[in-house]
C-alpha atoms as a PDB file:
ATOM      1  CA  MET A   1       5.516 -31.774 -19.156  1.00  0.00           C
ATOM      2  CA  ASN A   2       7.342 -29.757 -16.489  1.00  0.00           C
ATOM      3  CA  VAL A   3       8.109 -26.210 -17.451  1.00  0.00           C
ATOM      4  CA  THR A   4      10.641 -24.348 -15.369  1.00  0.00           C
ATOM      5  CA  PRO A   5      11.021 -20.603 -15.674  1.00  0.00           C
ATOM      6  CA  PRO A   6      14.292 -19.270 -17.055  1.00  0.00           C
ATOM      7  CA  ALA A   7      16.995 -18.732 -14.434  1.00  0.00           C
ATOM      8  CA  ALA A   8      17.156 -14.990 -15.099  1.00  0.00           C
ATOM      9  CA  SER A   9      13.566 -14.429 -13.955  1.00  0.00           C
ATOM     10  CA  VAL A  10      13.887 -16.402 -10.734  1.00  0.00           C
ATOM     11  CA  ARG A  11      15.331 -14.308  -7.933  1.00  0.00           C
ATOM     12  CA  PRO A  12      15.817 -15.620  -4.430  1.00  0.00           C
ATOM     13  CA  PRO A  13      14.035 -13.566  -1.778  1.00  0.00           C
ATOM     14  CA  HIS A  14      16.117 -10.773  -0.306  1.00  0.00           C
ATOM     15  CA  ALA A  15      18.913 -11.271  -2.838  1.00  0.00           C
ATOM     16  CA  ALA A  16      21.803  -8.826  -2.898  1.00  0.00           C
ATOM     17  CA  VAL A  17      20.224  -6.334  -5.259  1.00  0.00           C
ATOM     18  CA  HIS A  18      19.898  -2.581  -5.192  1.00  0.00           C
ATOM     19  CA  VAL A  19      16.451  -1.327  -4.270  1.00  0.00           C
ATOM     20  CA  LYS A  20      14.815   1.881  -3.085  1.00  0.00           C
ATOM     21  CA  GLU A  21      14.135   2.806   0.526  1.00  0.00           C
ATOM     22  CA  TYR A  22      10.768   4.209   1.637  1.00  0.00           C
ATOM     23  CA  GLU A  23       9.086   5.619   4.716  1.00  0.00           C
ATOM     24  CA  THR A  24       5.353   5.387   5.259  1.00  0.00           C
ATOM     25  CA  ILE A  25       3.482   7.131   8.030  1.00  0.00           C
ATOM     26  CA  TYR A  26      -0.069   6.041   8.553  1.00  0.00           C
ATOM     27  CA  ILE A  27      -2.637   7.422  10.961  1.00  0.00           C
ATOM     28  CA  LEU A  28      -5.074   5.194  12.808  1.00  0.00           C
ATOM     29  CA  ARG A  29      -8.390   6.267  14.328  1.00  0.00           C
ATOM     30  CA  PRO A  30      -7.850   7.657  17.847  1.00  0.00           C
ATOM     31  CA  ASP A  31     -10.116   5.039  19.416  1.00  0.00           C
ATOM     32  CA  VAL A  32      -8.225   2.090  17.876  1.00  0.00           C
ATOM     33  CA  ASP A  33      -7.375  -0.797  20.182  1.00  0.00           C
ATOM     34  CA  ALA A  34      -4.035  -2.609  20.274  1.00  0.00           C
ATOM     35  CA  GLU A  35      -5.331  -5.662  18.388  1.00  0.00           C
ATOM     36  CA  ALA A  36      -6.583  -3.578  15.453  1.00  0.00           C
ATOM     37  CA  ALA A  37      -3.249  -1.741  15.265  1.00  0.00           C
ATOM     38  CA  GLU A  38      -1.411  -5.074  15.227  1.00  0.00           C
ATOM     39  CA  ARG A  39      -3.690  -6.371  12.447  1.00  0.00           C
ATOM     40  CA  VAL A  40      -2.874  -3.326  10.299  1.00  0.00           C
ATOM     41  CA  GLN A  41       0.855  -3.780  10.897  1.00  0.00           C
ATOM     42  CA  ALA A  42       0.572  -7.503  10.102  1.00  0.00           C
ATOM     43  CA  ARG A  43      -1.067  -6.627   6.764  1.00  0.00           C
ATOM     44  CA  VAL A  44       1.785  -4.231   5.962  1.00  0.00           C
ATOM     45  CA  ALA A  45       4.385  -6.886   6.859  1.00  0.00           C
ATOM     46  CA  GLU A  46       2.596  -9.482   4.687  1.00  0.00           C
ATOM     47  CA  ALA A  47       2.537  -7.065   1.740  1.00  0.00           C
ATOM     48  CA  LEU A  48       6.273  -6.476   2.164  1.00  0.00           C
ATOM     49  CA  ASP A  49       6.938 -10.238   2.180  1.00  0.00           C
ATOM     50  CA  ARG A  50       4.822 -10.794  -0.949  1.00  0.00           C
ATOM     51  CA  GLU A  51       6.699  -8.092  -2.845  1.00  0.00           C
ATOM     52  CA  LEU A  52      10.119  -9.254  -1.547  1.00  0.00           C
ATOM     53  CA  GLY A  53      10.618  -6.088   0.483  1.00  0.00           C
ATOM     54  CA  ARG A  54      12.552  -5.752   3.737  1.00  0.00           C
ATOM     55  CA  LEU A  55      11.045  -4.171   6.827  1.00  0.00           C
ATOM     56  CA  VAL A  56      13.671  -1.958   8.471  1.00  0.00           C
ATOM     57  CA  LYS A  57      11.888  -0.153  11.282  1.00  0.00           C
ATOM     58  CA  VAL A  58       8.443   0.307  12.887  1.00  0.00           C
ATOM     59  CA  GLU A  59       7.652   2.960  15.492  1.00  0.00           C
ATOM     60  CA  SER A  60       4.457   4.044  17.191  1.00  0.00           C
ATOM     61  CA  TRP A  61       4.434   7.800  17.722  1.00  0.00           C
ATOM     62  CA  GLY A  62       1.298   7.695  19.854  1.00  0.00           C
ATOM     63  CA  ARG A  63      -1.893   9.700  19.776  1.00  0.00           C
ATOM     64  CA  ARG A  64      -1.502  13.242  18.420  1.00  0.00           C
ATOM     65  CA  LYS A  65      -3.677  16.115  17.341  1.00  0.00           C
ATOM     66  CA  LEU A  66      -4.211  16.290  13.577  1.00  0.00           C
ATOM     67  CA  ALA A  67      -3.483  19.483  11.654  1.00  0.00           C
ATOM     68  CA  TYR A  68      -7.040  19.391  10.268  1.00  0.00           C
ATOM     69  CA  PRO A  69     -10.011  17.051  10.755  1.00  0.00           C
ATOM     70  CA  ILE A  70      -9.831  13.839   8.733  1.00  0.00           C
ATOM     71  CA  ARG A  71     -13.013  11.748   8.456  1.00  0.00           C
ATOM     72  CA  LYS A  72     -14.461  13.762  11.347  1.00  0.00           C
ATOM     73  CA  GLN A  73     -11.498  12.867  13.571  1.00  0.00           C
ATOM     74  CA  ARG A  74      -9.387  15.539  15.290  1.00  0.00           C
ATOM     75  CA  ARG A  75      -6.773  13.166  16.738  1.00  0.00           C
ATOM     76  CA  GLY A  76      -5.045  10.045  15.458  1.00  0.00           C
ATOM     77  CA  VAL A  77      -2.484   7.380  16.320  1.00  0.00           C
ATOM     78  CA  TYR A  78       0.642   7.824  14.190  1.00  0.00           C
ATOM     79  CA  VAL A  79       2.706   4.802  13.073  1.00  0.00           C
ATOM     80  CA  TYR A  80       6.024   5.109  11.187  1.00  0.00           C
ATOM     81  CA  VAL A  81       7.266   2.288   8.926  1.00  0.00           C
ATOM     82  CA  LYS A  82      10.627   2.219   7.098  1.00  0.00           C
ATOM     83  CA  TYR A  83      11.265  -0.434   4.441  1.00  0.00           C
ATOM     84  CA  ALA A  84      13.220  -1.229   1.286  1.00  0.00           C
ATOM     85  CA  GLY A  85      12.107  -2.901  -1.899  1.00  0.00           C
ATOM     86  CA  GLY A  86      11.482  -2.452  -5.569  1.00  0.00           C
ATOM     87  CA  GLY A  87       8.809  -2.372  -8.204  1.00  0.00           C
ATOM     88  CA  GLY A  88       5.250  -2.390  -6.973  1.00  0.00           C
ATOM     89  CA  LEU A  89       6.093  -2.488  -3.285  1.00  0.00           C
ATOM     90  CA  VAL A  90       4.680   0.930  -2.405  1.00  0.00           C
ATOM     91  CA  ALA A  91       1.509   0.322  -4.397  1.00  0.00           C
ATOM     92  CA  GLU A  92       0.927  -2.971  -2.578  1.00  0.00           C
ATOM     93  CA  VAL A  93       1.555  -1.479   0.880  1.00  0.00           C
ATOM     94  CA  GLU A  94      -0.762   1.457   0.181  1.00  0.00           C
ATOM     95  CA  ARG A  95      -3.424  -0.850  -1.262  1.00  0.00           C
ATOM     96  CA  ASN A  96      -3.390  -2.839   1.976  1.00  0.00           C
ATOM     97  CA  LEU A  97      -3.612   0.334   4.060  1.00  0.00           C
ATOM     98  CA  LYS A  98      -6.647   1.508   2.055  1.00  0.00           C
ATOM     99  CA  LEU A  99      -8.432  -1.750   2.889  1.00  0.00           C
ATOM    100  CA  GLN A 100      -8.112  -1.256   6.660  1.00  0.00           C
ATOM    101  CA  GLU A 101     -10.984   0.579   8.362  1.00  0.00           C
ATOM    102  CA  ALA A 102      -8.733   1.705  11.218  1.00  0.00           C
ATOM    103  CA  VAL A 103      -6.459   3.691   8.861  1.00  0.00           C
ATOM    104  CA  ILE A 104      -7.681   7.233   8.195  1.00  0.00           C
ATOM    105  CA  LYS A 105      -4.658   8.609   6.293  1.00  0.00           C
ATOM    106  CA  PHE A 106      -1.222   7.539   5.036  1.00  0.00           C
ATOM    107  CA  MET A 107       1.712   8.970   3.140  1.00  0.00           C
ATOM    108  CA  THR A 108       4.796   7.371   1.604  1.00  0.00           C
ATOM    109  CA  VAL A 109       8.080   9.072   0.777  1.00  0.00           C
ATOM    110  CA  GLN A 110      11.101   7.628  -1.015  1.00  0.00           C
ATOM    111  CA  THR A 111      14.162   8.295   1.153  1.00  0.00           C
ATOM    112  CA  ALA A 112      16.935   6.620  -0.850  1.00  0.00           C
ATOM    113  CA  ASP A 113      17.317   5.740  -4.502  1.00  0.00           C
ATOM    114  CA  ASP A 114      19.899   2.977  -4.499  1.00  0.00           C
ATOM    115  CA  VAL A 115      20.190   0.798  -1.383  1.00  0.00           C
ATOM    116  CA  ASP A 116      22.049  -2.505  -1.224  1.00  0.00           C
ATOM    117  CA  VAL A 117      19.752  -4.920   0.624  1.00  0.00           C
ATOM    118  CA  ALA A 118      22.714  -6.995   1.804  1.00  0.00           C
ATOM    119  CA  THR A 119      24.194  -4.056   3.681  1.00  0.00           C
ATOM    120  CA  LEU A 120      20.971  -2.984   5.439  1.00  0.00           C
ATOM    121  CA  GLN A 121      21.318  -3.012   9.224  1.00  0.00           C
ATOM    122  CA  ILE A 122      18.075  -4.423  10.598  1.00  0.00           C
ATOM    123  CA  ASP A 123      17.463  -4.775  14.325  1.00  0.00           C
ATOM    124  CA  PRO A 124      14.719  -7.403  14.919  1.00  0.00           C
ATOM    125  CA  GLU A 125      13.470  -5.399  17.915  1.00  0.00           C
ATOM    126  CA  GLU A 126      12.819  -2.361  15.719  1.00  0.00           C
ATOM    127  CA  THR A 127      10.748  -4.321  13.189  1.00  0.00           C
ATOM    128  CA  ARG A 128       7.977  -5.198  15.633  1.00  0.00           C
ATOM    129  CA  LEU A 129       5.179  -2.855  16.556  1.00  0.00           C
ATOM    130  CA  GLY A 130       5.076  -3.078  20.319  1.00  0.00           C
ATOM    131  CA  LYS A 131       1.841  -3.096  22.269  1.00  0.00           C
ATOM    132  CA  LEU A 132       0.111   0.217  21.789  1.00  0.00           C
ATOM    133  CA  GLU A 133      -0.365   1.667  25.235  1.00  0.00           C
ATOM    134  CA  LEU A 134      -2.401   4.766  24.607  1.00  0.00           C
ATOM    135  CA  PRO A 135      -3.369   6.825  27.633  1.00  0.00           C
ATOM    136  CA  PRO A 136      -6.950   8.084  27.644  1.00  0.00           C
ATOM    137  CA  ASP A 137      -7.570  11.398  25.934  1.00  0.00           C
ATOM    138  CA  GLU A 138      -7.145  14.107  28.550  1.00  0.00           C
ATOM    139  CA  GLU A 139      -7.824  16.998  26.196  1.00  0.00           C
ATOM    140  CA  LYS A 140     -11.450  17.994  26.514  1.00  0.00           C
ATOM    141  CA  GLU A 141     -13.348  18.645  23.331  1.00  0.00           C
ATOM    142  CA  GLU A 142     -13.849  22.298  22.446  1.00  0.00           C
ATOM    143  CA  SER A 143     -17.423  23.437  21.913  1.00  0.00           C
ATOM    144  CA  ARG A 144     -18.675  23.961  18.387  1.00  0.00           C
ATOM    145  CA  GLU A 145     -19.218  27.667  19.128  1.00  0.00           C
ATOM    146  CA  LYS A 146     -15.600  28.111  20.246  1.00  0.00           C
ATOM    147  CA  LEU A 147     -14.290  26.225  17.188  1.00  0.00           C
ATOM    148  CA  LEU A 148     -16.329  28.494  14.890  1.00  0.00           C
ATOM    149  CA  GLY A 149     -15.114  31.604  16.704  1.00  0.00           C
ATOM    150  CA  LEU A 150     -18.560  32.593  17.953  1.00  0.00           C
ATOM    151  CA  ILE A 151     -17.455  32.787  21.585  1.00  0.00           C
ATOM    152  CA  ASP A 152     -15.154  35.578  22.728  1.00  0.00           C
ATOM    153  CA  VAL A 153     -12.271  33.842  24.514  1.00  0.00           C
ATOM    154  CA  GLY A 154     -11.134  37.058  26.127  1.00  0.00           C
ATOM    155  CA  PRO A 155      -9.006  40.010  25.160  1.00  0.00           C
ATOM    156  CA  GLU A 156      -5.711  39.044  23.714  1.00  0.00           C
ATOM    157  CA  VAL A 157      -3.281  41.915  23.243  1.00  0.00           C
ATOM    158  CA  ALA A 158      -0.859  41.447  20.392  1.00  0.00           C
ATOM    159  CA  LYS A 159       2.737  41.697  21.468  1.00  0.00           C
ATOM    160  CA  PRO A 160       4.747  44.236  19.481  1.00  0.00           C
ATOM    161  CA  ARG A 161       7.778  43.386  17.451  1.00  0.00           C
ATOM    162  CA  PRO A 162      11.018  44.784  18.919  1.00  0.00           C
ATOM    163  CA  GLU A 163      11.121  47.637  16.392  1.00  0.00           C
ATOM    164  CA  GLU A 164       7.540  48.602  17.373  1.00  0.00           C
ATOM    165  CA  ALA A 165       8.132  48.581  21.146  1.00  0.00           C
ATOM    166  CA  GLU A 166       8.336  52.386  21.487  1.00  0.00           C
ATOM    167  CA  TYR A 167       4.864  52.758  19.907  1.00  0.00           C
ATOM    168  CA  PHE A 168       3.197  50.160  22.102  1.00  0.00           C
ATOM    169  CA  ASP A 169       0.735  51.130  24.843  1.00  0.00           C
ATOM    170  CA  ALA A 170      -0.419  48.147  26.954  1.00  0.00           C
ATOM    171  CA  ASP A 171      -3.965  49.526  27.156  1.00  0.00           C
ATOM    172  CA  GLU A 172      -4.387  50.441  23.507  1.00  0.00           C
ATOM    173  CA  GLY A 173      -1.956  48.236  21.573  1.00  0.00           C
ATOM    174  CA  VAL A 174       0.258  49.528  18.760  1.00  0.00           C
ATOM    175  CA  ASP A 175      -0.245  53.124  17.611  1.00  0.00           C
ATOM    176  CA  GLU A 176      -0.333  52.326  13.892  1.00  0.00           C
ATOM    177  CA  GLY A 177      -0.496  55.994  12.833  1.00  0.00           C
ATOM    178  CA  ALA A 178       2.737  56.967  14.593  1.00  0.00           C
ATOM    179  CA  LEU A 179       4.418  53.791  13.399  1.00  0.00           C
ATOM    180  CA  LYS A 180       3.436  54.469   9.773  1.00  0.00           C
ATOM    181  CA  GLU A 181       4.644  58.100   9.980  1.00  0.00           C
ATOM    182  CA  ASP A 182       8.050  56.999  11.262  1.00  0.00           C
ATOM    183  CA  ARG A 183       8.357  54.342   8.554  1.00  0.00           C
ATOM    184  CA  ASP A 184       7.520  56.904   5.879  1.00  0.00           C
ATOM    185  CA  GLU A 185      10.194  59.253   7.224  1.00  0.00           C
ATOM    186  CA  GLU A 186      12.832  56.482   7.125  1.00  0.00           C
ATOM    187  CA  THR A 187      12.296  55.803   3.433  1.00  0.00           C
END
C-alpha cells in the first residue's frame, strides 16, 4: 500500500514563500587552517539545505583581536553568514556550529521578519567562502605581568577636557582643587 502525504504538507524546496532573514557571525580558533574553515562552512551550507534555507552571503573578516578571552584564545577568525529560511533553521545551523571544534563562539541575529524568497538577489560568488589567507600573527603576546597590571608601562599624563585646559599643568596634571572651586562658584 503506497501512502502519499497530503499535497498541503509537501512544499517544493525554495518555493515562493515568506521567510525570515538571519545573520550569523561565528569565530574560529586563530590557528585554524583553510581546510577546517571550509569544513565548518560546508556543515553550515548542508544545514541550510536540509532545512530548506537559502544562503545569501558568506564573508571572511579575517583574524581579529577578541574583546575578551574565549576558551583561552585572545584572537579569532571571524566569518559572517547571511541566510533566509523558516522554522528550525537557526537551531539547526547553531547545532552544527556547536559540533565543530574549530568554532569558539557564534551569534545569530534576525535581520528581517518577512522576506520573499523568490525576490532574494543571490550572487553565487558571494555564497562561497573563499580560501582563507591569514597572514601570520605579527602582534607579540603581552607578558602575564603586563596583562595583570603589575608592570609600570610608564607615566601617562591624562589629557584635560577643553573646559579644564586652564587648570592643566603638564608636570602635575589637572589641579582638581581649583577646578572644583570654580565649578562650585558657577552653580
